[in-house]
Amino acid sequence: MLALLVAARLVNRYGSRIIAFLSLLLYSVLLACLGFAGNVFSLVVLLVLFGIAGNVANIAINTQSVAVEARYGRPIMASFHGLWSLAGFTAAGIATLLLGRGVPTAAHFTGIGSLVAVAAVLTYPKLVRDNRQTSGQRKRFTLPDATLLRLGALAFCCLICEGAMFDWSGVYFQKIVHAERAWVGAGYTAFMSTMAGGRFVADWLTARAGFTRTLRISGLLIASGLALAVAFPTVPVSIAGFLLVGFGVSSVVPLVYSRAGRSTTVSPGSAIAIVTSIGFMGFLVGPPLVGLLAGLFSLRVSIAVVALVGVVIASVAGLVDRKAGQK
């Protein structure tokens, strides 16, 4: 969250190309340093800096993605996010392998950090040279228009759903579905697999169905998947429901970032930072809200409320293009 306060300014002033490169280098160096943290204080400080570097890279790389998508002339943003999801699976596999072989954390983090740094150096010459804002443009403050606020609302709702799945899917399978221990993580795995896979077909769907219709389908998939899991809390049906939820959330954030990056009222970096800031609040609010409602009523009720958030996504999707400010 702290990074979002400065990321857009850095991208606007220096361009997303150099900021993506430098933030990735810093990200990799800080990862290596984390492996050598010797006490809680140094670990906390390094994690704060690590989070800042990561989110500056997030804004800069998504701004680069908008520029590349504009050159292609067709939707490709979801595929970038699909590669991000694939990287998460790859990282988990590498970590599991290295932990199993007893590789020290310092060596693990230093090795991965070095690979990322080398990749950043090799790819930097190929990054898009985007336009920087002039000093006059940087001084001018513009409030986000209604379109950006609606896009932020879509990201907020989607990340509520994602956060609920990340933090509560295992608990739901344990407490409500009463799954055997080996199956407690099945819902989360199902969700993550279709969220990653769905991003590689989302661009194809968007090119044919359009922005609004794709978001409406996504919202209805989220709502129907969670409703299915709530109505029939058995292992097979709940897995099927969580598969639908993964497909539903897979395209929302990439589509929102893509559309925000084409705003004509603020720069792409600023637009993405605004939408990201609003969206991240959903990631922070969602899981505690599910826990609060579960304490007041039950976990099934709280997951049912999250299903309604999918309905909100489907409803708000049609409002985005009613406001000027998009190309």
Protein backbone atom coordinates (compact mmCIF):
# COMPACT_ATOMS: atom_id res chain seq x y z
CA MET A 1 0.00 0.00 0.00
CA LEU A 2 2.86 2.40 0.75
CA ALA A 3 4.32 1.74 -2.68
CA LEU A 4 1.12 2.82 -4.41
CA LEU A 5 1.68 6.35 -3.09
CA VAL A 6 4.91 6.72 -5.08
CA ALA A 7 4.73 4.13 -7.87
CA ALA A 8 2.57 6.21 -10.21
CA ARG A 9 4.74 9.30 -9.71
CA LEU A 10 7.90 7.36 -10.48
CA VAL A 11 6.38 5.81 -13.61
CA ASN A 12 5.00 9.16 -14.79
CA ARG A 13 8.29 10.98 -14.25
CA TYR A 14 10.82 8.44 -15.48
CA GLY A 15 8.75 6.04 -17.61
CA SER A 16 7.63 2.50 -16.87
CA ARG A 17 10.60 0.99 -18.74
CA ILE A 18 13.35 2.12 -16.40
CA ILE A 19 11.19 1.84 -13.27
CA ALA A 20 10.22 -1.76 -14.11
CA PHE A 21 13.91 -2.59 -14.59
CA LEU A 22 15.20 -0.89 -11.43
CA SER A 23 12.37 -2.12 -9.21
CA LEU A 24 12.93 -5.72 -10.38
CA LEU A 25 16.64 -5.40 -9.60
CA LEU A 26 15.84 -4.02 -6.14
CA TYR A 27 13.21 -6.75 -5.66
CA SER A 28 15.78 -9.48 -6.40
CA VAL A 29 18.45 -7.92 -4.15
CA LEU A 30 16.00 -7.61 -1.26
CA LEU A 31 14.92 -11.24 -1.73
CA ALA A 32 18.54 -12.31 -1.31
CA CYS A 33 18.88 -10.08 1.78
CA LEU A 34 15.78 -11.68 3.33
CA GLY A 35 17.59 -15.00 3.38
CA PHE A 36 20.23 -13.50 5.67
CA ALA A 37 17.88 -11.67 8.08
CA GLY A 38 19.18 -12.48 11.54
CA ASN A 39 16.45 -11.05 13.79
CA VAL A 40 12.82 -9.97 13.75
CA PHE A 41 13.60 -6.26 13.35
CA SER A 42 15.76 -6.70 10.25
CA LEU A 43 13.24 -9.17 8.81
CA VAL A 44 10.36 -6.70 9.22
CA VAL A 45 12.33 -3.82 7.70
CA LEU A 46 13.39 -5.95 4.75
CA LEU A 47 9.83 -7.22 4.22
CA VAL A 48 8.49 -3.65 4.13
CA LEU A 49 11.09 -2.69 1.53
CA PHE A 50 10.45 -5.95 -0.35
CA GLY A 51 6.73 -5.16 -0.51
CA ILE A 52 7.40 -1.64 -1.76
CA ALA A 53 9.75 -2.85 -4.49
CA GLY A 54 7.27 -5.54 -5.51
CA ASN A 55 4.35 -3.17 -5.90
CA VAL A 56 6.35 -0.54 -7.76
CA ALA A 57 7.32 -3.33 -10.15
CA ASN A 58 3.65 -4.34 -10.33
CA ILE A 59 2.51 -0.87 -11.45
CA ALA A 60 5.42 -0.41 -13.87
CA ILE A 61 5.06 -3.83 -15.51
CA ASN A 62 1.29 -3.49 -15.89
CA THR A 63 1.89 -0.09 -17.50
CA GLN A 64 4.33 -1.79 -19.88
CA SER A 65 1.65 -4.42 -20.58
CA VAL A 66 -0.84 -1.73 -21.56
CA ALA A 67 1.69 -0.29 -24.03
CA VAL A 68 2.40 -3.72 -25.53
CA GLU A 69 -1.31 -4.49 -25.79
CA ALA A 70 -1.85 -1.22 -27.66
CA ARG A 71 0.76 -2.29 -30.21
CA TYR A 72 -0.90 -5.66 -30.70
CA GLY A 73 -4.31 -4.06 -31.21
CA ARG A 74 -6.11 -6.91 -29.45
CA PRO A 75 -6.59 -8.10 -25.84
CA ILE A 76 -3.46 -9.74 -24.38
CA MET A 77 -3.43 -8.42 -20.79
CA ALA A 78 -4.97 -11.57 -19.30
CA SER A 79 -2.16 -13.68 -20.76
CA PHE A 80 0.39 -11.55 -18.89
CA HIS A 81 -1.51 -12.19 -15.67
CA GLY A 82 -1.71 -15.87 -16.58
CA LEU A 83 2.09 -15.95 -16.70
CA TRP A 84 2.12 -14.33 -13.25
CA SER A 85 -0.10 -17.15 -11.96
CA LEU A 86 2.10 -19.73 -13.69
CA ALA A 87 5.14 -18.17 -12.02
CA GLY A 88 3.43 -18.64 -8.65
CA PHE A 89 2.95 -22.35 -9.32
CA THR A 90 6.55 -22.63 -10.53
CA ALA A 91 7.88 -20.87 -7.44
CA ALA A 92 5.90 -23.15 -5.15
CA GLY A 93 7.29 -26.20 -6.93
CA ILE A 94 10.89 -24.93 -6.75
CA ALA A 95 10.50 -24.06 -3.06
CA THR A 96 9.05 -27.48 -2.27
CA LEU A 97 11.91 -29.20 -4.10
CA LEU A 98 14.62 -27.13 -2.40
CA LEU A 99 13.06 -27.48 1.05
CA GLY A 100 12.84 -31.23 0.56
CA ARG A 101 16.54 -31.35 -0.28
CA GLY A 102 17.49 -29.24 2.72
CA VAL A 103 18.82 -26.25 0.73
CA PRO A 104 19.40 -23.30 3.12
CA THR A 105 16.99 -20.38 2.79
CA ALA A 106 19.85 -17.94 2.12
CA ALA A 107 21.09 -20.01 -0.82
CA HIS A 108 17.52 -20.49 -2.12
CA PHE A 109 16.66 -16.78 -2.03
CA THR A 110 20.05 -15.68 -3.39
CA GLY A 111 19.79 -18.11 -6.30
CA ILE A 112 16.27 -17.03 -7.26
CA GLY A 113 17.14 -13.36 -6.80
CA SER A 114 20.14 -13.77 -9.10
CA LEU A 115 18.02 -15.43 -11.79
CA VAL A 116 15.47 -12.60 -11.63
CA ALA A 117 18.20 -9.97 -11.83
CA VAL A 118 19.75 -11.63 -14.88
CA ALA A 119 16.32 -11.88 -16.53
CA ALA A 120 15.70 -8.18 -15.84
CA VAL A 121 19.02 -7.22 -17.47
CA LEU A 122 18.40 -9.40 -20.52
CA THR A 123 14.84 -8.18 -21.12
CA TYR A 124 15.41 -4.47 -20.42
CA PRO A 125 16.52 -3.56 -23.99
CA LYS A 126 13.29 -5.06 -25.36
CA LEU A 127 10.91 -3.13 -23.12
CA VAL A 128 8.65 -0.47 -24.64
CA ARG A 129 9.93 3.11 -24.49
CA ASP A 130 6.83 4.82 -23.14
CA ASN A 131 6.24 8.55 -22.93
CA ARG A 132 7.07 10.41 -19.72
CA GLN A 133 4.96 13.26 -18.44
CA THR A 134 6.36 16.76 -18.70
CA SER A 135 6.96 18.82 -15.58
CA GLY A 136 3.81 20.81 -16.31
CA GLN A 137 1.73 17.67 -16.56
CA ARG A 138 3.17 16.29 -13.32
CA LYS A 139 2.08 19.38 -11.39
CA ARG A 140 -1.51 19.04 -12.46
CA PHE A 141 -3.68 17.00 -10.09
CA THR A 142 -6.70 15.26 -11.55
CA LEU A 143 -9.33 13.43 -9.57
CA PRO A 144 -10.20 9.96 -10.89
CA ASP A 145 -13.26 10.08 -13.11
CA ALA A 146 -16.35 7.91 -12.72
CA THR A 147 -15.00 5.29 -15.10
CA LEU A 148 -11.85 4.73 -13.04
CA LEU A 149 -13.90 4.58 -9.86
CA ARG A 150 -16.15 1.94 -11.42
CA LEU A 151 -13.12 -0.02 -12.60
CA GLY A 152 -11.74 0.25 -9.08
CA ALA A 153 -15.04 -1.06 -7.72
CA LEU A 154 -14.80 -4.06 -10.04
CA ALA A 155 -11.24 -4.76 -8.85
CA PHE A 156 -12.39 -4.30 -5.23
CA CYS A 157 -15.16 -6.87 -5.64
CA CYS A 158 -12.95 -9.35 -7.47
CA LEU A 159 -10.22 -9.16 -4.83
CA ILE A 160 -12.80 -9.69 -2.08
CA CYS A 161 -13.57 -12.99 -3.80
CA GLU A 162 -9.91 -13.85 -4.31
CA GLY A 163 -9.05 -13.02 -0.71
CA ALA A 164 -11.93 -15.16 0.55
CA MET A 165 -10.71 -18.09 -1.54
CA PHE A 166 -7.10 -17.67 -0.44
CA ASP A 167 -7.88 -17.50 3.27
CA TRP A 168 -11.11 -19.46 3.73
CA SER A 169 -11.35 -22.20 1.11
CA GLY A 170 -9.41 -24.67 3.26
CA VAL A 171 -11.44 -23.79 6.33
CA TYR A 172 -14.65 -24.23 4.36
CA PHE A 173 -13.63 -27.71 3.23
CA GLN A 174 -12.64 -28.62 6.77
CA LYS A 175 -15.55 -27.16 8.76
CA ILE A 176 -18.49 -27.22 6.33
CA VAL A 177 -17.69 -29.87 3.73
CA HIS A 178 -16.09 -32.09 6.41
CA ALA A 179 -13.52 -33.28 3.90
CA GLU A 180 -10.91 -35.80 4.89
CA ARG A 181 -7.54 -34.29 5.71
CA ALA A 182 -6.06 -35.14 2.32
CA TRP A 183 -8.89 -33.25 0.59
CA VAL A 184 -8.93 -30.09 2.70
CA GLY A 185 -6.78 -28.22 0.16
CA ALA A 186 -8.68 -29.50 -2.87
CA GLY A 187 -10.93 -26.46 -3.14
CA TYR A 188 -8.02 -24.03 -3.06
CA THR A 189 -6.12 -26.09 -5.64
CA ALA A 190 -9.18 -26.21 -7.90
CA PHE A 191 -9.65 -22.46 -7.60
CA MET A 192 -6.00 -21.65 -8.31
CA SER A 193 -5.78 -24.00 -11.29
CA THR A 194 -8.75 -22.50 -13.13
CA MET A 195 -7.79 -18.94 -12.16
CA ALA A 196 -4.40 -19.49 -13.82
CA GLY A 197 -5.72 -21.47 -16.79
CA GLY A 198 -8.65 -19.13 -17.34
CA ARG A 199 -6.32 -16.21 -17.92
CA PHE A 200 -4.86 -17.85 -21.00
CA VAL A 201 -8.31 -18.05 -22.64
CA ALA A 202 -9.68 -14.75 -21.29
CA ASP A 203 -8.08 -12.71 -24.08
CA TRP A 204 -9.68 -14.98 -26.70
CA LEU A 205 -13.06 -14.65 -24.97
CA THR A 206 -12.76 -10.87 -24.62
CA ALA A 207 -11.90 -10.47 -28.31
CA ARG A 208 -15.12 -12.27 -29.21
CA ALA A 209 -17.55 -11.41 -26.43
CA GLY A 210 -16.33 -7.91 -25.59
CA PHE A 211 -15.31 -6.27 -22.33
CA THR A 212 -18.74 -5.93 -20.72
CA ARG A 213 -20.08 -9.36 -21.63
CA THR A 214 -16.87 -11.06 -20.45
CA LEU A 215 -17.11 -9.32 -17.07
CA ARG A 216 -20.77 -10.25 -16.76
CA ILE A 217 -19.93 -13.90 -17.48
CA SER A 218 -17.12 -13.69 -14.91
CA GLY A 219 -19.39 -12.30 -12.21
CA LEU A 220 -22.05 -14.92 -12.85
CA LEU A 221 -19.44 -17.71 -12.73
CA ILE A 222 -18.25 -16.46 -9.33
CA ALA A 223 -21.79 -16.23 -7.99
CA SER A 224 -22.93 -19.59 -9.35
CA GLY A 225 -19.78 -21.41 -8.22
CA LEU A 226 -20.02 -20.17 -4.64
CA ALA A 227 -23.78 -20.73 -4.57
CA LEU A 228 -23.21 -24.31 -5.69
CA ALA A 229 -20.66 -24.90 -2.92
CA VAL A 230 -22.98 -23.36 -0.32
CA ALA A 231 -26.10 -25.23 -1.45
CA PHE A 232 -24.40 -28.64 -1.75
CA PRO A 233 -21.41 -28.76 0.63
CA THR A 234 -19.97 -32.07 -0.54
CA VAL A 235 -16.43 -32.63 -1.79
CA PRO A 236 -17.23 -33.20 -5.51
CA VAL A 237 -19.79 -30.40 -5.78
CA SER A 238 -17.69 -27.91 -3.80
CA ILE A 239 -14.65 -28.65 -5.96
CA ALA A 240 -16.77 -28.05 -9.05
CA GLY A 241 -18.04 -24.80 -7.55
CA PHE A 242 -14.55 -23.56 -6.74
CA LEU A 243 -13.43 -24.43 -10.27
CA LEU A 244 -16.13 -22.07 -11.56
CA VAL A 245 -15.03 -19.36 -9.12
CA GLY A 246 -11.46 -19.62 -10.42
CA PHE A 247 -12.65 -19.20 -13.99
CA GLY A 248 -14.76 -16.25 -12.88
CA VAL A 249 -12.04 -14.24 -11.16
CA SER A 250 -9.39 -15.05 -13.78
CA SER A 251 -10.31 -12.30 -16.24
CA VAL A 252 -11.62 -9.48 -14.04
CA VAL A 253 -8.40 -7.83 -12.83
CA PRO A 254 -6.55 -8.13 -16.18
CA LEU A 255 -9.52 -6.61 -18.03
CA VAL A 256 -9.84 -3.83 -15.47
CA TYR A 257 -6.12 -2.98 -15.70
CA SER A 258 -6.26 -3.02 -19.49
CA ARG A 259 -9.22 -0.66 -19.59
CA ALA A 260 -7.78 1.62 -16.91
CA GLY A 261 -4.52 1.91 -18.84
CA ARG A 262 -6.44 3.43 -21.75
CA SER A 263 -7.87 6.28 -19.69
CA THR A 264 -7.71 9.69 -21.36
CA THR A 265 -7.99 11.65 -18.10
CA VAL A 266 -4.81 10.42 -16.37
CA SER A 267 -1.63 8.60 -17.41
CA PRO A 268 -1.64 4.78 -17.64
CA GLY A 269 0.59 4.47 -14.55
CA SER A 270 -1.66 6.73 -12.49
CA ALA A 271 -4.82 4.99 -13.70
CA ILE A 272 -3.49 1.54 -12.84
CA ALA A 273 -2.28 2.79 -9.45
CA ILE A 274 -5.73 4.26 -8.68
CA VAL A 275 -7.52 1.05 -9.64
CA THR A 276 -4.96 -1.08 -7.77
CA SER A 277 -5.33 1.04 -4.62
CA ILE A 278 -9.09 0.60 -4.59
CA GLY A 279 -8.81 -3.08 -5.47
CA PHE A 280 -6.28 -3.87 -2.74
CA MET A 281 -8.75 -2.65 -0.16
CA GLY A 282 -10.95 -5.58 -1.18
CA PHE A 283 -8.04 -7.94 -0.53
CA LEU A 284 -7.67 -6.44 2.94
CA VAL A 285 -11.38 -6.20 3.76
CA GLY A 286 -12.62 -9.47 2.25
CA PRO A 287 -11.09 -12.16 4.50
CA PRO A 288 -11.85 -10.37 7.82
CA LEU A 289 -15.40 -9.71 6.60
CA VAL A 290 -15.88 -13.41 5.88
CA GLY A 291 -14.60 -14.21 9.37
CA LEU A 292 -16.87 -11.63 11.00
CA LEU A 293 -19.96 -12.92 9.23
CA ALA A 294 -18.96 -16.50 10.01
CA GLY A 295 -18.76 -15.60 13.70
CA LEU A 296 -22.12 -13.83 13.67
CA PHE A 297 -23.95 -16.39 11.54
CA SER A 298 -22.03 -19.24 9.88
CA LEU A 299 -19.31 -19.79 7.31
CA ARG A 300 -21.92 -20.88 4.76
CA VAL A 301 -23.72 -17.55 5.18
CA SER A 302 -20.50 -15.56 4.79
CA ILE A 303 -19.54 -17.47 1.61
CA ALA A 304 -23.09 -16.85 0.31
CA VAL A 305 -22.50 -13.11 0.84
CA VAL A 306 -19.30 -13.36 -1.21
CA ALA A 307 -21.40 -15.00 -3.93
CA LEU A 308 -23.49 -11.82 -4.02
CA VAL A 309 -20.30 -9.90 -4.73
CA GLY A 310 -20.12 -11.86 -8.00
CA VAL A 311 -23.59 -10.55 -8.83
CA VAL A 312 -22.33 -7.01 -8.15
CA ILE A 313 -19.47 -7.55 -10.64
CA ALA A 314 -21.94 -8.66 -13.30
CA SER A 315 -24.13 -5.63 -12.56
CA VAL A 316 -21.40 -2.97 -12.47
CA ALA A 317 -19.73 -4.23 -15.66
CA GLY A 318 -22.34 -2.60 -17.87
CA LEU A 319 -21.83 0.81 -16.22
CA VAL A 320 -18.14 1.20 -17.07
CA ASP A 321 -18.57 2.39 -20.65
CA ARG A 322 -21.32 4.87 -19.83
CA LYS A 323 -18.79 7.52 -18.89
CA ALA A 324 -16.45 9.29 -21.25
CA GLY A 325 -12.74 9.11 -20.62
CA GLN A 326 -11.80 5.90 -22.44
CA LYS A 327 -10.33 5.54 -25.88
